[in-house]
Amino acid sequence: MKPLSALDSLPSSKQVAFAERLARIKRRAVPDECFRDKGLMSKWIDGNR
């Protein structure tokens, strides 16, 4: 098995771009902690679609 690196927990560039687009449309900010964890980013995106 491959060991997890710190980069494995970061959101993908596509996730970040989509979240920023949603944030602009909804006129709200993406929380800073979402940029450090892809699970949180995914939850934020799902909650703001």
PDB file of N, CA and C in Angstrom:
ATOM      1  N   MET A   1       0.833  -1.192   0.000  1.00  0.00           N
ATOM      2  CA  MET A   1       0.000   0.000   0.000  1.00  0.00           C
ATOM      3  C   MET A   1       0.871   1.246   0.000  1.00  0.00           C
ATOM      4  N   LYS A   2       0.347   2.279  -0.624  1.00  0.00           N
ATOM      5  CA  LYS A   2       1.059   3.550  -0.723  1.00  0.00           C
ATOM      6  C   LYS A   2       0.773   4.400   0.518  1.00  0.00           C
ATOM      7  N   PRO A   3       1.796   4.948   1.154  1.00  0.00           N
ATOM      8  CA  PRO A   3       1.545   5.809   2.321  1.00  0.00           C
ATOM      9  C   PRO A   3       0.890   7.118   1.886  1.00  0.00           C
ATOM     10  N   LEU A   4       0.024   7.634   2.742  1.00  0.00           N
ATOM     11  CA  LEU A   4      -0.649   8.894   2.450  1.00  0.00           C
ATOM     12  C   LEU A   4       0.305  10.056   2.658  1.00  0.00           C
ATOM     13  N   SER A   5       0.302  10.968   1.738  1.00  0.00           N
ATOM     14  CA  SER A   5       1.115  12.173   1.896  1.00  0.00           C
ATOM     15  C   SER A   5       0.192  13.334   2.255  1.00  0.00           C
ATOM     16  N   ALA A   6       0.787  14.432   2.619  1.00  0.00           N
ATOM     17  CA  ALA A   6       0.001  15.617   2.974  1.00  0.00           C
ATOM     18  C   ALA A   6      -0.791  16.123   1.771  1.00  0.00           C
ATOM     19  N   LEU A   7      -0.257  15.905   0.575  1.00  0.00           N
ATOM     20  CA  LEU A   7      -0.944  16.378  -0.630  1.00  0.00           C
ATOM     21  C   LEU A   7      -2.201  15.575  -0.939  1.00  0.00           C
ATOM     22  N   ASP A   8      -2.280  14.340  -0.456  1.00  0.00           N
ATOM     23  CA  ASP A   8      -3.458  13.513  -0.712  1.00  0.00           C
ATOM     24  C   ASP A   8      -4.712  14.064  -0.049  1.00  0.00           C
ATOM     25  N   SER A   9      -4.555  14.849   1.000  1.00  0.00           N
ATOM     26  CA  SER A   9      -5.726  15.382   1.692  1.00  0.00           C
ATOM     27  C   SER A   9      -6.165  16.735   1.147  1.00  0.00           C
ATOM     28  N   LEU A  10      -5.368  17.340   0.264  1.00  0.00           N
ATOM     29  CA  LEU A  10      -5.727  18.646  -0.296  1.00  0.00           C
ATOM     30  C   LEU A  10      -6.761  18.485  -1.407  1.00  0.00           C
ATOM     31  N   PRO A  11      -7.657  19.458  -1.555  1.00  0.00           N
ATOM     32  CA  PRO A  11      -8.641  19.384  -2.646  1.00  0.00           C
ATOM     33  C   PRO A  11      -7.958  19.534  -4.007  1.00  0.00           C
ATOM     34  N   SER A  12      -8.577  18.963  -5.020  1.00  0.00           N
ATOM     35  CA  SER A  12      -8.017  19.057  -6.368  1.00  0.00           C
ATOM     36  C   SER A  12      -8.212  20.478  -6.911  1.00  0.00           C
ATOM     37  N   SER A  13      -7.474  20.782  -7.945  1.00  0.00           N
ATOM     38  CA  SER A  13      -7.600  22.115  -8.544  1.00  0.00           C
ATOM     39  C   SER A  13      -8.994  22.305  -9.136  1.00  0.00           C
ATOM     40  N   LYS A  14      -9.587  21.226  -9.634  1.00  0.00           N
ATOM     41  CA  LYS A  14     -10.948  21.329 -10.181  1.00  0.00           C
ATOM     42  C   LYS A  14     -11.963  21.610  -9.071  1.00  0.00           C
ATOM     43  N   GLN A  15     -11.774  20.979  -7.904  1.00  0.00           N
ATOM     44  CA  GLN A  15     -12.656  21.246  -6.771  1.00  0.00           C
ATOM     45  C   GLN A  15     -12.560  22.714  -6.363  1.00  0.00           C
ATOM     46  N   VAL A  16     -11.343  23.216  -6.270  1.00  0.00           N
ATOM     47  CA  VAL A  16     -11.135  24.600  -5.846  1.00  0.00           C
ATOM     48  C   VAL A  16     -11.761  25.560  -6.856  1.00  0.00           C
ATOM     49  N   ALA A  17     -11.547  25.317  -8.131  1.00  0.00           N
ATOM     50  CA  ALA A  17     -12.109  26.198  -9.165  1.00  0.00           C
ATOM     51  C   ALA A  17     -13.632  26.187  -9.115  1.00  0.00           C
ATOM     52  N   PHE A  18     -14.229  25.004  -8.943  1.00  0.00           N
ATOM     53  CA  PHE A  18     -15.689  24.904  -8.894  1.00  0.00           C
ATOM     54  C   PHE A  18     -16.232  25.607  -7.648  1.00  0.00           C
ATOM     55  N   ALA A  19     -15.569  25.416  -6.512  1.00  0.00           N
ATOM     56  CA  ALA A  19     -16.010  26.068  -5.280  1.00  0.00           C
ATOM     57  C   ALA A  19     -15.921  27.582  -5.392  1.00  0.00           C
ATOM     58  N   GLU A  20     -14.849  28.075  -6.007  1.00  0.00           N
ATOM     59  CA  GLU A  20     -14.712  29.524  -6.163  1.00  0.00           C
ATOM     60  C   GLU A  20     -15.777  30.081  -7.097  1.00  0.00           C
ATOM     61  N   ARG A  21     -16.124  29.320  -8.142  1.00  0.00           N
ATOM     62  CA  ARG A  21     -17.193  29.746  -9.042  1.00  0.00           C
ATOM     63  C   ARG A  21     -18.529  29.794  -8.299  1.00  0.00           C
ATOM     64  N   LEU A  22     -18.816  28.755  -7.503  1.00  0.00           N
ATOM     65  CA  LEU A  22     -20.049  28.745  -6.706  1.00  0.00           C
ATOM     66  C   LEU A  22     -20.079  29.924  -5.725  1.00  0.00           C
ATOM     67  N   ALA A  23     -18.939  30.177  -5.090  1.00  0.00           N
ATOM     68  CA  ALA A  23     -18.873  31.259  -4.110  1.00  0.00           C
ATOM     69  C   ALA A  23     -19.170  32.605  -4.757  1.00  0.00           C
ATOM     70  N   ARG A  24     -18.651  32.819  -5.966  1.00  0.00           N
ATOM     71  CA  ARG A  24     -18.933  34.080  -6.674  1.00  0.00           C
ATOM     72  C   ARG A  24     -20.415  34.194  -6.993  1.00  0.00           C
ATOM     73  N   ILE A  25     -21.007  33.104  -7.466  1.00  0.00           N
ATOM     74  CA  ILE A  25     -22.432  33.130  -7.817  1.00  0.00           C
ATOM     75  C   ILE A  25     -23.291  33.390  -6.585  1.00  0.00           C
ATOM     76  N   LYS A  26     -22.961  32.718  -5.475  1.00  0.00           N
ATOM     77  CA  LYS A  26     -23.749  32.832  -4.245  1.00  0.00           C
ATOM     78  C   LYS A  26     -23.336  34.025  -3.388  1.00  0.00           C
ATOM     79  N   ARG A  27     -22.269  34.727  -3.811  1.00  0.00           N
ATOM     80  CA  ARG A  27     -21.747  35.886  -3.078  1.00  0.00           C
ATOM     81  C   ARG A  27     -21.409  35.542  -1.637  1.00  0.00           C
ATOM     82  N   ARG A  28     -20.656  34.455  -1.473  1.00  0.00           N
ATOM     83  CA  ARG A  28     -20.120  34.098  -0.164  1.00  0.00           C
ATOM     84  C   ARG A  28     -18.706  33.587  -0.336  1.00  0.00           C
ATOM     85  N   ALA A  29     -17.989  33.488   0.747  1.00  0.00           N
ATOM     86  CA  ALA A  29     -16.595  33.050   0.702  1.00  0.00           C
ATOM     87  C   ALA A  29     -16.491  31.563   1.026  1.00  0.00           C
ATOM     88  N   VAL A  30     -15.514  30.930   0.418  1.00  0.00           N
ATOM     89  CA  VAL A  30     -15.200  29.544   0.758  1.00  0.00           C
ATOM     90  C   VAL A  30     -14.353  29.594   2.029  1.00  0.00           C
ATOM     91  N   PRO A  31     -14.751  28.877   3.083  1.00  0.00           N
ATOM     92  CA  PRO A  31     -13.959  28.904   4.327  1.00  0.00           C
ATOM     93  C   PRO A  31     -12.522  28.416   4.101  1.00  0.00           C
ATOM     94  N   ASP A  32     -11.593  29.014   4.815  1.00  0.00           N
ATOM     95  CA  ASP A  32     -10.169  28.677   4.658  1.00  0.00           C
ATOM     96  C   ASP A  32      -9.875  27.207   4.920  1.00  0.00           C
ATOM     97  N   GLU A  33     -10.574  26.610   5.888  1.00  0.00           N
ATOM     98  CA  GLU A  33     -10.292  25.210   6.208  1.00  0.00           C
ATOM     99  C   GLU A  33     -10.652  24.274   5.057  1.00  0.00           C
ATOM    100  N   CYS A  34     -11.536  24.708   4.170  1.00  0.00           N
ATOM    101  CA  CYS A  34     -11.898  23.883   3.010  1.00  0.00           C
ATOM    102  C   CYS A  34     -10.737  23.757   2.030  1.00  0.00           C
ATOM    103  N   PHE A  35      -9.848  24.736   2.012  1.00  0.00           N
ATOM    104  CA  PHE A  35      -8.697  24.675   1.117  1.00  0.00           C
ATOM    105  C   PHE A  35      -7.614  23.728   1.636  1.00  0.00           C
ATOM    106  N   ARG A  36      -7.789  23.231   2.871  1.00  0.00           N
ATOM    107  CA  ARG A  36      -6.808  22.320   3.455  1.00  0.00           C
ATOM    108  C   ARG A  36      -7.296  20.881   3.530  1.00  0.00           C
ATOM    109  N   ASP A  37      -8.576  20.628   3.217  1.00  0.00           N
ATOM    110  CA  ASP A  37      -9.115  19.273   3.336  1.00  0.00           C
ATOM    111  C   ASP A  37     -10.138  19.022   2.232  1.00  0.00           C
ATOM    112  N   LYS A  38      -9.900  17.989   1.414  1.00  0.00           N
ATOM    113  CA  LYS A  38     -10.796  17.747   0.289  1.00  0.00           C
ATOM    114  C   LYS A  38     -12.168  17.251   0.736  1.00  0.00           C
ATOM    115  N   GLY A  39     -12.251  16.604   1.888  1.00  0.00           N
ATOM    116  CA  GLY A  39     -13.550  16.172   2.407  1.00  0.00           C
ATOM    117  C   GLY A  39     -14.416  17.362   2.782  1.00  0.00           C
ATOM    118  N   LEU A  40     -13.812  18.339   3.451  1.00  0.00           N
ATOM    119  CA  LEU A  40     -14.553  19.551   3.810  1.00  0.00           C
ATOM    120  C   LEU A  40     -14.954  20.333   2.564  1.00  0.00           C
ATOM    121  N   MET A  41     -14.049  20.383   1.585  1.00  0.00           N
ATOM    122  CA  MET A  41     -14.355  21.095   0.340  1.00  0.00           C
ATOM    123  C   MET A  41     -15.540  20.437  -0.353  1.00  0.00           C
ATOM    124  N   SER A  42     -15.554  19.125  -0.376  1.00  0.00           N
ATOM    125  CA  SER A  42     -16.647  18.396  -1.006  1.00  0.00           C
ATOM    126  C   SER A  42     -17.978  18.690  -0.299  1.00  0.00           C
ATOM    127  N   LYS A  43     -17.957  18.699   1.037  1.00  0.00           N
ATOM    128  CA  LYS A  43     -19.169  18.994   1.798  1.00  0.00           C
ATOM    129  C   LYS A  43     -19.637  20.415   1.544  1.00  0.00           C
ATOM    130  N   TRP A  44     -18.688  21.365   1.464  1.00  0.00           N
ATOM    131  CA  TRP A  44     -19.060  22.762   1.216  1.00  0.00           C
ATOM    132  C   TRP A  44     -19.708  22.889  -0.157  1.00  0.00           C
ATOM    133  N   ILE A  45     -19.119  22.230  -1.155  1.00  0.00           N
ATOM    134  CA  ILE A  45     -19.673  22.277  -2.505  1.00  0.00           C
ATOM    135  C   ILE A  45     -21.079  21.689  -2.522  1.00  0.00           C
ATOM    136  N   ASP A  46     -21.257  20.535  -1.903  1.00  0.00           N
ATOM    137  CA  ASP A  46     -22.577  19.888  -1.872  1.00  0.00           C
ATOM    138  C   ASP A  46     -23.620  20.767  -1.173  1.00  0.00           C
ATOM    139  N   GLY A  47     -23.207  21.463  -0.138  1.00  0.00           N
ATOM    140  CA  GLY A  47     -24.126  22.307   0.591  1.00  0.00           C
ATOM    141  C   GLY A  47     -24.437  23.636  -0.080  1.00  0.00           C
ATOM    142  N   ASN A  48     -23.676  23.999  -1.098  1.00  0.00           N
ATOM    143  CA  ASN A  48     -23.847  25.300  -1.743  1.00  0.00           C
ATOM    144  C   ASN A  48     -24.190  25.214  -3.226  1.00  0.00           C
ATOM    145  N   ARG A  49     -24.613  24.066  -3.664  1.00  0.00           N
ATOM    146  CA  ARG A  49     -25.002  23.924  -5.071  1.00  0.00           C
ATOM    147  C   ARG A  49     -26.308  24.601  -5.339  1.00  0.00           C
TER     148      ARG A  49
END
